[in-house]
Amino acid sequence: MSFLPDNRAKIEELEKKIAALEKTNAVLMKRIENSVDTLGSSYSTLEKNIHLQNEVQRRTEELEKETQRVKKFAVKARKANEAKSEFLANMSHEIRTPMNAILGYIELLKEKDFDEESCEFLEIIQSSGNLLLNIINDILDYSKVDAGKLAITPVNFSPKKEFELLSQYFQIDCQKKDLRFDVSIDKNLPEQLHGDIFRIKQVALNLLSNAVKFTPAKKGIEFNIEYRHQELIFTVRDEGKGIPKEHLSTIFDAFSQGESSTTRTYGGTGLGLTISKRLVDLMGGTLNLKSKEGEGTVFVFNIPVSLLHYGQTKGQDLELSQRGEKTILLVEDNAINQKLMSRVLKKIGFSFVVASNGEEAILKFKEGGIDLILMDENMPIMSGIEATKSIRKLDKEIPIIALTANAMKGDRERFLAAGMNEHLTKPVNFKKLEQTVVSLLISE
């Protein structure tokens, strides 16, 4: 049987081919399994990516909604802030207008001859009025500082004269309360310095007022002023109640007075130290304190100032000869304040005419003979700013002083932009009014 070997060879060859095919099939099956696994993984990743994309879209939509809510809130907050500013401005004007008459007439009455008891009553009324005015000023100043709108206005000043007057003022207060008041003013103070003396004195006034307020009778207060390296250095030391250690870190915060009973016992707004700290910062200085409960408090503040040399300043203290030859146009709609200002102008020696609104002021100005205008703002028929713009079309040089109860942030700039030369607020400081009028008439 010779065919058997040939068949066996073929069978073996077929078996080899079958084994090779099985091996190849196994490889293919493995690849298919791997591809299926990869496809499954890719599908899972795709699912995750789709989920992630949906999540991103969802969060984006939520963020857009939140952004819209924030924008709406910001609009409401801005409107609320504008409403607050408008309310403060209106309240300032409404309070300052009658306060101008109250404090003004008290100042005039004090020049009359009264018995001792009547003089005492006048002092009490004036002191209470000034206290109320200080509270109003604190609230308005805090509003300006909080909004970042409070401006520092450096001027030339005589430090010796300014600080001696300030010390004399508190000497009287200390005598009334039976306090010892020791003042030391550096003999090396320059004759003239350049800085915001109004704000410097405001800080000193706040600190000295607190010292008088919190120091009991028979105790003492020290007020020292030095000048070193173009800096004024003020120290206010008292033997008062001191500040508890736990309140030292918040003493400069708004509306903070150490403890809740302080307001009830001593009064005040709790804004004085906050305003003082921010004013000192605005002037480039530092304000520090040391205090121990029961042993008193020490405040030290430094203010950078510029040194002036003789010949750098133009004298503004010259007396105006023949004041009666100068005529002032008083523009004021309030009848009580008209009478008050008429008495004041007569007292400081000027002739005057009165207008009750802006429209009447223009007519009287056109009649001629006016040397200076005292212009109120909030008036019927035509406001002070409108009247000023009309007058400036007729005369670019006539001095115009805004004399108003508008004392909010931006008011001064608004009046100056309208063409006025100066801005004085009610209640009127008669001495400052006289100095400003004389200064503007001299410089004509």
Protein backbone atom coordinates (compact mmCIF):
# COMPACT_ATOMS: atom_id res chain seq x y z
CA MET A 1 0.00 0.00 0.00
CA SER A 2 2.28 2.75 -1.30
CA PHE A 3 -0.34 5.57 -1.04
CA LEU A 4 -0.38 5.67 2.80
CA PRO A 5 2.86 7.62 3.26
CA ASP A 6 1.72 10.30 0.86
CA ASN A 7 -1.60 10.72 2.65
CA ARG A 8 0.17 10.91 5.99
CA ALA A 9 2.36 13.72 4.72
CA LYS A 10 -0.66 15.60 3.48
CA ILE A 11 -2.43 15.05 6.77
CA GLU A 12 0.55 16.38 8.70
CA GLU A 13 0.74 19.39 6.39
CA LEU A 14 -2.99 20.02 6.90
CA GLU A 15 -2.57 19.71 10.66
CA LYS A 16 0.23 22.27 10.54
CA LYS A 17 -1.94 24.66 8.54
CA ILE A 18 -4.84 24.11 10.94
CA ALA A 19 -2.52 24.79 13.92
CA ALA A 20 -1.25 27.96 12.20
CA LEU A 21 -4.83 29.08 11.51
CA GLU A 22 -5.80 28.42 15.12
CA LYS A 23 -2.82 30.46 16.29
CA THR A 24 -3.69 33.26 13.92
CA ASN A 25 -7.33 33.05 15.04
CA ALA A 26 -6.24 33.27 18.65
CA VAL A 27 -4.19 36.38 17.88
CA LEU A 28 -7.11 37.89 16.02
CA MET A 29 -9.48 37.05 18.84
CA LYS A 30 -7.07 38.69 21.30
CA ARG A 31 -6.89 41.79 19.12
CA ILE A 32 -10.68 41.82 18.84
CA GLU A 33 -10.95 41.57 22.63
CA ASN A 34 -8.43 44.39 23.04
CA SER A 35 -10.31 46.49 20.49
CA VAL A 36 -13.57 45.82 22.29
CA ASP A 37 -11.93 46.83 25.60
CA THR A 38 -10.48 49.96 23.99
CA LEU A 39 -13.82 50.77 22.43
CA GLY A 40 -15.52 50.28 25.78
CA SER A 41 -12.94 52.52 27.48
CA SER A 42 -13.34 55.16 24.76
CA TYR A 43 -17.09 54.99 25.12
CA SER A 44 -16.72 55.39 28.87
CA THR A 45 -14.37 58.36 28.33
CA LEU A 46 -16.80 59.82 25.83
CA GLU A 47 -19.60 59.44 28.35
CA LYS A 48 -17.45 61.17 30.96
CA ASN A 49 -16.56 63.95 28.52
CA ILE A 50 -20.21 64.45 27.61
CA HIS A 51 -21.10 64.53 31.32
CA LEU A 52 -18.24 66.95 31.99
CA GLN A 53 -19.33 69.14 29.08
CA ASN A 54 -22.88 69.16 30.43
CA GLU A 55 -21.58 70.02 33.89
CA VAL A 56 -19.45 72.86 32.49
CA GLN A 57 -22.46 74.17 30.59
CA ARG A 58 -24.62 73.91 33.69
CA ARG A 59 -22.09 75.74 35.84
CA THR A 60 -21.57 78.36 33.14
CA GLU A 61 -25.29 79.00 33.08
CA GLU A 62 -25.33 79.22 36.88
CA LEU A 63 -22.35 81.61 36.79
CA GLU A 64 -24.12 83.79 34.22
CA LYS A 65 -27.23 83.85 36.41
CA GLU A 66 -25.11 84.73 39.46
CA THR A 67 -23.33 87.43 37.46
CA GLN A 68 -26.68 88.91 36.53
CA ARG A 69 -27.76 88.77 40.17
CA VAL A 70 -24.54 90.50 41.25
CA LYS A 71 -25.00 93.17 38.58
CA LYS A 72 -28.56 93.78 39.71
CA PHE A 73 -27.38 93.92 43.33
CA ALA A 74 -24.59 96.36 42.37
CA VAL A 75 -27.13 98.60 40.61
CA LYS A 76 -29.38 98.48 43.69
CA ALA A 77 -26.39 99.18 45.98
CA ARG A 78 -25.33 102.13 43.82
CA LYS A 79 -28.85 103.52 43.84
CA ALA A 80 -29.06 102.97 47.61
CA ASN A 81 -25.73 104.75 48.07
CA GLU A 82 -26.88 107.62 45.88
CA ALA A 83 -30.10 107.79 47.87
CA LYS A 84 -28.10 107.81 51.11
CA SER A 85 -25.86 110.61 49.84
CA GLU A 86 -28.87 112.59 48.68
CA PHE A 87 -30.57 112.05 52.04
CA LEU A 88 -27.45 113.16 53.92
CA ALA A 89 -27.12 116.21 51.67
CA ASN A 90 -30.77 117.16 52.23
CA MET A 91 -30.54 116.59 55.98
CA SER A 92 -27.31 118.55 56.12
CA HIS A 93 -28.93 121.47 54.33
CA GLU A 94 -32.14 121.35 56.35
CA ILE A 95 -30.27 121.17 59.69
CA ARG A 96 -27.53 123.67 58.86
CA THR A 97 -29.95 126.37 57.71
CA PRO A 98 -31.69 126.83 61.10
CA MET A 99 -28.41 126.12 62.94
CA ASN A 100 -26.89 129.08 61.09
CA ALA A 101 -29.55 131.37 62.56
CA ILE A 102 -29.37 129.85 66.05
CA LEU A 103 -25.59 130.03 66.43
CA GLY A 104 -25.35 133.32 64.54
CA TYR A 105 -27.83 135.17 66.73
CA ILE A 106 -26.26 133.69 69.87
CA GLU A 107 -22.92 135.13 68.74
CA LEU A 108 -24.53 138.54 68.27
CA LEU A 109 -26.43 138.33 71.58
CA LYS A 110 -23.20 137.62 73.49
CA GLU A 111 -22.02 141.11 72.57
CA LYS A 112 -24.97 142.65 74.44
CA ASP A 113 -25.06 143.48 78.13
CA PHE A 114 -26.86 140.75 80.07
CA ASP A 115 -26.91 139.73 83.70
CA GLU A 116 -24.72 136.81 84.78
CA GLU A 117 -27.53 134.23 84.66
CA SER A 118 -28.57 135.23 81.12
CA CYS A 119 -24.95 135.02 79.96
CA GLU A 120 -24.74 131.55 81.46
CA PHE A 121 -27.90 130.51 79.59
CA LEU A 122 -26.43 131.83 76.34
CA GLU A 123 -23.22 129.86 76.93
CA ILE A 124 -25.24 126.67 77.51
CA ILE A 125 -27.30 127.22 74.34
CA GLN A 126 -24.18 127.95 72.29
CA SER A 127 -22.33 124.94 73.71
CA SER A 128 -25.29 122.65 72.96
CA GLY A 129 -25.59 124.08 69.44
CA ASN A 130 -21.89 123.55 68.77
CA LEU A 131 -22.15 119.99 70.10
CA LEU A 132 -25.01 119.29 67.69
CA LEU A 133 -23.02 120.84 64.85
CA ASN A 134 -20.00 118.67 65.71
CA ILE A 135 -22.17 115.55 65.52
CA ILE A 136 -23.49 116.65 62.11
CA ASN A 137 -19.94 117.34 60.91
CA ASP A 138 -18.73 113.94 62.16
CA ILE A 139 -21.44 112.12 60.22
CA LEU A 140 -20.77 114.11 57.04
CA ASP A 141 -16.99 113.79 57.34
CA TYR A 142 -17.28 110.03 57.87
CA SER A 143 -19.48 109.81 54.77
CA LYS A 144 -16.82 111.67 52.77
CA VAL A 145 -13.94 109.63 54.17
CA ASP A 146 -15.80 106.35 53.68
CA ALA A 147 -16.44 107.25 50.03
CA GLY A 148 -12.83 108.33 49.53
CA LYS A 149 -13.95 111.84 48.59
CA LEU A 150 -12.53 113.87 51.44
CA ALA A 151 -9.90 116.22 50.01
CA ILE A 152 -6.78 117.55 51.69
CA THR A 153 -6.25 121.26 50.95
CA PRO A 154 -2.80 122.59 51.97
CA VAL A 155 -2.52 126.33 52.71
CA ASN A 156 0.08 128.65 54.17
CA PHE A 157 -0.35 129.20 57.90
CA SER A 158 1.33 130.51 61.04
CA PRO A 159 1.71 127.49 63.36
CA LYS A 160 2.44 129.52 66.50
CA LYS A 161 -0.68 131.64 66.07
CA GLU A 162 -2.94 128.69 65.17
CA PHE A 163 -1.84 126.43 68.02
CA GLU A 164 -1.86 129.16 70.66
CA LEU A 165 -5.50 129.94 69.76
CA LEU A 166 -6.33 126.23 69.88
CA SER A 167 -4.70 125.91 73.31
CA GLN A 168 -6.56 128.94 74.65
CA TYR A 169 -9.86 127.38 73.57
CA PHE A 170 -9.20 124.21 75.56
CA GLN A 171 -7.74 126.14 78.49
CA ILE A 172 -11.23 127.55 79.04
CA ASP A 173 -12.85 124.11 78.77
CA CYS A 174 -10.38 122.64 81.25
CA GLN A 175 -10.96 125.46 83.74
CA LYS A 176 -14.71 124.81 83.58
CA LYS A 177 -14.12 121.13 84.42
CA ASP A 178 -11.38 121.85 86.99
CA LEU A 179 -8.67 120.10 84.96
CA ARG A 180 -4.97 120.95 84.84
CA PHE A 181 -3.96 121.80 81.26
CA ASP A 182 -0.24 121.94 80.49
CA VAL A 183 0.74 123.21 77.04
CA SER A 184 4.20 123.06 75.49
CA ILE A 185 4.72 124.63 72.05
CA ASP A 186 8.15 124.24 70.46
CA LYS A 187 9.98 127.58 70.47
CA ASN A 188 11.66 126.54 67.21
CA LEU A 189 8.39 126.44 65.26
CA PRO A 190 8.90 128.16 61.88
CA GLU A 191 7.02 131.40 61.21
CA GLN A 192 5.21 129.91 58.21
CA LEU A 193 4.36 126.35 57.19
CA HIS A 194 2.39 124.81 54.33
CA GLY A 195 -0.19 122.11 55.09
CA ASP A 196 -3.89 121.52 55.65
CA ILE A 197 -4.16 123.43 58.92
CA PHE A 198 -7.93 122.92 59.04
CA ARG A 199 -7.58 119.13 59.06
CA ILE A 200 -4.54 119.23 61.38
CA LYS A 201 -6.56 121.24 63.89
CA GLN A 202 -9.55 118.92 63.41
CA VAL A 203 -7.45 115.93 64.50
CA ALA A 204 -6.02 117.86 67.47
CA LEU A 205 -9.52 119.04 68.42
CA ASN A 206 -10.86 115.48 68.36
CA LEU A 207 -8.05 114.16 70.55
CA LEU A 208 -8.19 117.07 73.01
CA SER A 209 -11.98 116.89 73.20
CA ASN A 210 -11.73 113.20 74.09
CA ALA A 211 -9.08 113.98 76.70
CA VAL A 212 -11.33 116.59 78.33
CA LYS A 213 -14.35 114.29 78.05
CA PHE A 214 -12.72 111.23 79.66
CA THR A 215 -10.56 112.93 82.31
CA PRO A 216 -12.14 113.44 85.76
CA ALA A 217 -11.87 116.71 87.73
CA LYS A 218 -8.62 117.48 89.56
CA LYS A 219 -6.65 115.43 86.99
CA GLY A 220 -4.44 116.72 84.18
CA ILE A 221 -4.02 116.92 80.39
CA GLU A 222 -0.81 117.64 78.49
CA PHE A 223 -0.64 119.06 74.96
CA ASN A 224 2.81 119.17 73.34
CA ILE A 225 3.70 120.40 69.84
CA GLU A 226 7.16 119.91 68.32
CA TYR A 227 8.69 120.52 64.90
CA ARG A 228 11.39 118.14 63.65
CA HIS A 229 12.58 117.20 60.16
CA GLN A 230 9.69 119.03 58.43
CA GLU A 231 7.11 117.27 60.58
CA LEU A 232 4.72 118.60 63.20
CA ILE A 233 4.55 116.18 66.14
CA PHE A 234 1.56 116.40 68.48
CA THR A 235 1.22 114.61 71.81
CA VAL A 236 -2.03 114.55 73.79
CA ARG A 237 -1.67 112.89 77.20
CA ASP A 238 -4.49 112.57 79.72
CA GLU A 239 -5.00 111.10 83.19
CA GLY A 240 -8.43 109.76 82.30
CA LYS A 241 -10.11 106.38 82.50
CA GLY A 242 -7.88 104.79 79.86
CA ILE A 243 -8.85 102.19 77.28
CA PRO A 244 -9.27 98.49 78.17
CA LYS A 245 -6.62 96.29 76.54
CA GLU A 246 -9.23 94.23 74.64
CA HIS A 247 -10.56 97.39 72.93
CA LEU A 248 -7.24 98.86 71.76
CA SER A 249 -7.30 96.96 68.46
CA THR A 250 -10.74 98.35 67.48
CA ILE A 251 -10.56 101.86 68.91
CA PHE A 252 -10.13 103.42 65.44
CA ASP A 253 -13.08 101.49 63.98
CA ALA A 254 -16.21 103.44 63.04
CA PHE A 255 -18.81 103.88 65.79
CA SER A 256 -16.49 102.27 68.35
CA GLN A 257 -16.15 103.92 71.76
CA GLY A 258 -14.34 101.28 73.75
CA GLU A 259 -17.51 99.91 75.36
CA SER A 260 -21.25 100.35 74.93
CA SER A 261 -21.73 102.40 78.11
CA THR A 262 -19.37 105.11 76.82
CA THR A 263 -21.96 106.60 74.45
CA ARG A 264 -24.59 106.73 77.18
CA THR A 265 -22.19 108.27 79.71
CA TYR A 266 -20.16 110.67 77.57
CA GLY A 267 -22.17 111.10 74.34
CA GLY A 268 -20.69 111.54 70.87
CA THR A 269 -20.94 109.57 67.64
CA GLY A 270 -17.95 107.26 68.01
CA LEU A 271 -16.60 108.62 64.72
CA GLY A 272 -14.00 111.10 65.98
CA LEU A 273 -11.06 108.71 66.21
CA THR A 274 -12.00 106.97 62.96
CA ILE A 275 -12.04 110.29 61.11
CA SER A 276 -8.82 111.41 62.82
CA LYS A 277 -6.97 108.24 61.82
CA ARG A 278 -8.06 108.50 58.20
CA LEU A 279 -7.27 112.22 58.03
CA VAL A 280 -3.77 111.60 59.37
CA ASP A 281 -3.30 108.83 56.79
CA LEU A 282 -4.51 111.15 54.00
CA MET A 283 -1.99 113.78 55.07
CA GLY A 284 0.82 111.21 54.97
CA GLY A 285 1.26 111.05 58.73
CA THR A 286 0.94 108.48 61.53
CA LEU A 287 -1.35 108.26 64.56
CA ASN A 288 -0.47 106.00 67.50
CA LEU A 289 -1.73 105.51 71.02
CA LYS A 290 -0.73 103.97 74.31
CA SER A 291 -3.27 103.41 77.01
CA LYS A 292 -3.79 101.49 80.22
CA GLU A 293 -7.12 101.17 81.92
CA GLY A 294 -7.31 103.45 84.93
CA GLU A 295 -4.04 105.24 84.11
CA GLY A 296 -4.88 107.41 81.09
CA THR A 297 -4.11 107.56 77.38
CA VAL A 298 -1.40 109.04 75.15
CA PHE A 299 -2.02 109.88 71.48
CA VAL A 300 0.86 110.91 69.23
CA PHE A 301 0.40 112.00 65.62
CA ASN A 302 2.94 113.26 63.08
CA ILE A 303 2.06 115.37 60.05
CA PRO A 304 4.54 116.20 57.24
CA VAL A 305 4.51 119.93 56.40
CA SER A 306 6.51 122.14 54.05
CA LEU A 307 8.68 124.95 55.33
CA LEU A 308 8.05 128.39 53.84
CA HIS A 309 10.51 131.25 53.68
CA TYR A 310 9.75 134.94 53.83
CA GLY A 311 8.55 136.37 50.56
CA GLN A 312 6.71 133.19 49.57
CA THR A 313 3.31 134.32 50.80
CA LYS A 314 1.06 137.15 49.82
CA GLY A 315 -0.33 138.99 52.83
CA GLN A 316 -4.04 138.54 53.33
CA ASP A 317 -4.34 140.22 56.74
CA LEU A 318 -4.48 143.80 55.42
CA GLU A 319 -7.38 145.88 56.68
CA LEU A 320 -9.74 147.16 54.01
CA SER A 321 -10.00 150.93 54.20
CA GLN A 322 -13.39 152.56 53.84
CA ARG A 323 -15.39 149.32 53.91
CA GLY A 324 -18.62 151.25 53.73
CA GLU A 325 -17.80 152.18 50.14
CA LYS A 326 -17.95 148.52 49.13
CA THR A 327 -21.38 147.04 48.44
CA ILE A 328 -22.15 143.34 48.88
CA LEU A 329 -25.09 141.61 47.21
CA LEU A 330 -26.54 139.15 49.74
CA VAL A 331 -28.52 136.43 47.93
CA GLU A 332 -30.55 134.50 50.54
CA ASP A 333 -34.12 133.20 50.48
CA ASN A 334 -34.52 132.45 54.20
CA ALA A 335 -35.94 135.54 55.94
CA ILE A 336 -34.32 134.76 59.31
CA ASN A 337 -30.91 134.27 57.72
CA GLN A 338 -31.40 137.48 55.72
CA LYS A 339 -31.78 139.41 58.98
CA LEU A 340 -28.84 137.62 60.56
CA MET A 341 -26.45 138.23 57.64
CA SER A 342 -27.63 141.84 57.33
CA ARG A 343 -26.61 142.43 60.94
CA VAL A 344 -23.29 140.67 60.42
CA LEU A 345 -22.42 142.67 57.27
CA LYS A 346 -23.39 145.90 59.00
CA LYS A 347 -21.26 144.90 62.01
CA ILE A 348 -18.13 144.28 59.92
CA GLY A 349 -18.62 147.57 58.08
CA PHE A 350 -19.99 146.79 54.61
CA SER A 351 -22.91 148.22 52.68
CA PHE A 352 -25.24 145.62 51.18
CA VAL A 353 -28.38 144.89 49.20
CA VAL A 354 -30.53 141.77 49.51
CA ALA A 355 -31.98 139.43 46.87
CA SER A 356 -34.33 136.55 47.73
CA ASN A 357 -33.55 134.28 44.77
CA GLY A 358 -31.21 133.87 41.81
CA GLU A 359 -33.42 135.68 39.35
CA GLU A 360 -33.70 138.72 41.61
CA ALA A 361 -29.93 138.60 42.17
CA ILE A 362 -29.29 138.95 38.42
CA LEU A 363 -31.62 141.96 38.21
CA LYS A 364 -29.94 143.70 41.16
CA PHE A 365 -26.48 142.92 39.80
CA LYS A 366 -27.43 144.51 36.46
CA GLU A 367 -28.35 147.71 38.30
CA GLY A 368 -24.63 148.08 39.06
CA GLY A 369 -22.57 149.10 42.07
CA ILE A 370 -21.97 145.57 43.38
CA ASP A 371 -18.44 144.72 44.55
CA LEU A 372 -18.95 141.16 45.84
CA ILE A 373 -21.75 138.57 45.96
CA LEU A 374 -22.65 136.19 48.80
CA MET A 375 -24.65 133.48 47.01
CA ASP A 376 -26.95 130.90 48.58
CA GLU A 377 -27.66 127.77 46.52
CA ASN A 378 -31.03 126.17 47.35
CA MET A 379 -33.50 128.92 46.44
CA PRO A 380 -36.87 129.08 44.68
CA ILE A 381 -37.26 130.33 41.07
CA MET A 382 -33.50 130.13 40.33
CA SER A 383 -30.68 128.41 42.21
CA GLY A 384 -27.37 130.00 43.15
CA ILE A 385 -25.42 127.99 40.57
CA GLU A 386 -27.78 129.02 37.76
CA ALA A 387 -27.58 132.66 38.86
CA THR A 388 -23.78 132.49 39.04
CA LYS A 389 -23.51 131.11 35.49
CA SER A 390 -25.74 133.94 34.23
CA ILE A 391 -23.75 136.60 36.11
CA ARG A 392 -20.47 135.19 34.80
CA LYS A 393 -21.69 135.84 31.26
CA LEU A 394 -22.00 139.50 32.25
CA ASP A 395 -18.91 139.81 34.44
CA LYS A 396 -15.94 137.42 34.68
CA GLU A 397 -14.24 139.22 37.60
CA ILE A 398 -16.87 139.97 40.26
CA PRO A 399 -16.01 137.90 43.40
CA ILE A 400 -18.75 135.40 44.23
CA ILE A 401 -18.75 133.42 47.48
CA ALA A 402 -21.00 130.40 47.89
CA LEU A 403 -22.54 130.79 51.34
CA THR A 404 -24.71 127.72 51.69
CA ALA A 405 -25.79 124.84 53.89
CA ASN A 406 -24.52 122.42 51.21
CA ALA A 407 -21.52 120.74 52.81
CA MET A 408 -21.44 117.28 51.24
CA LYS A 409 -18.66 115.71 49.19
CA GLY A 410 -18.20 117.44 45.86
CA ASP A 411 -20.21 120.55 46.79
CA ARG A 412 -17.19 122.86 46.93
CA GLU A 413 -15.92 121.57 43.57
CA ARG A 414 -19.40 121.98 42.08
CA PHE A 415 -19.63 125.62 43.18
CA LEU A 416 -16.11 126.47 42.01
CA ALA A 417 -16.79 124.81 38.65
CA ALA A 418 -19.88 127.00 38.27
CA GLY A 419 -17.68 130.11 38.52
CA MET A 420 -17.66 130.93 42.23
CA ASN A 421 -14.44 132.03 43.90
CA GLU A 422 -14.90 130.49 47.33
CA HIS A 423 -17.23 128.23 49.32
CA LEU A 424 -18.28 128.86 52.94
CA THR A 425 -20.74 126.67 54.78
CA LYS A 426 -23.50 127.41 57.24
CA PRO A 427 -23.44 127.86 60.19
CA VAL A 428 -21.25 130.81 59.26
CA ASN A 429 -17.96 131.46 61.01
CA PHE A 430 -18.16 135.27 61.13
CA LYS A 431 -14.40 135.74 61.38
CA LYS A 432 -13.72 133.47 58.42
CA LEU A 433 -16.46 135.22 56.44
CA GLU A 434 -14.88 138.61 57.12
CA GLN A 435 -11.39 137.37 56.21
CA THR A 436 -12.62 135.77 52.98
CA VAL A 437 -14.58 138.88 51.91
CA VAL A 438 -11.66 141.18 52.68
CA SER A 439 -9.19 138.88 50.92
CA LEU A 440 -11.24 138.73 47.72
CA LEU A 441 -11.91 142.48 47.68
CA ILE A 442 -8.21 143.25 48.23
CA SER A 443 -7.18 140.97 45.37
CA GLU A 444 -9.56 142.59 42.89
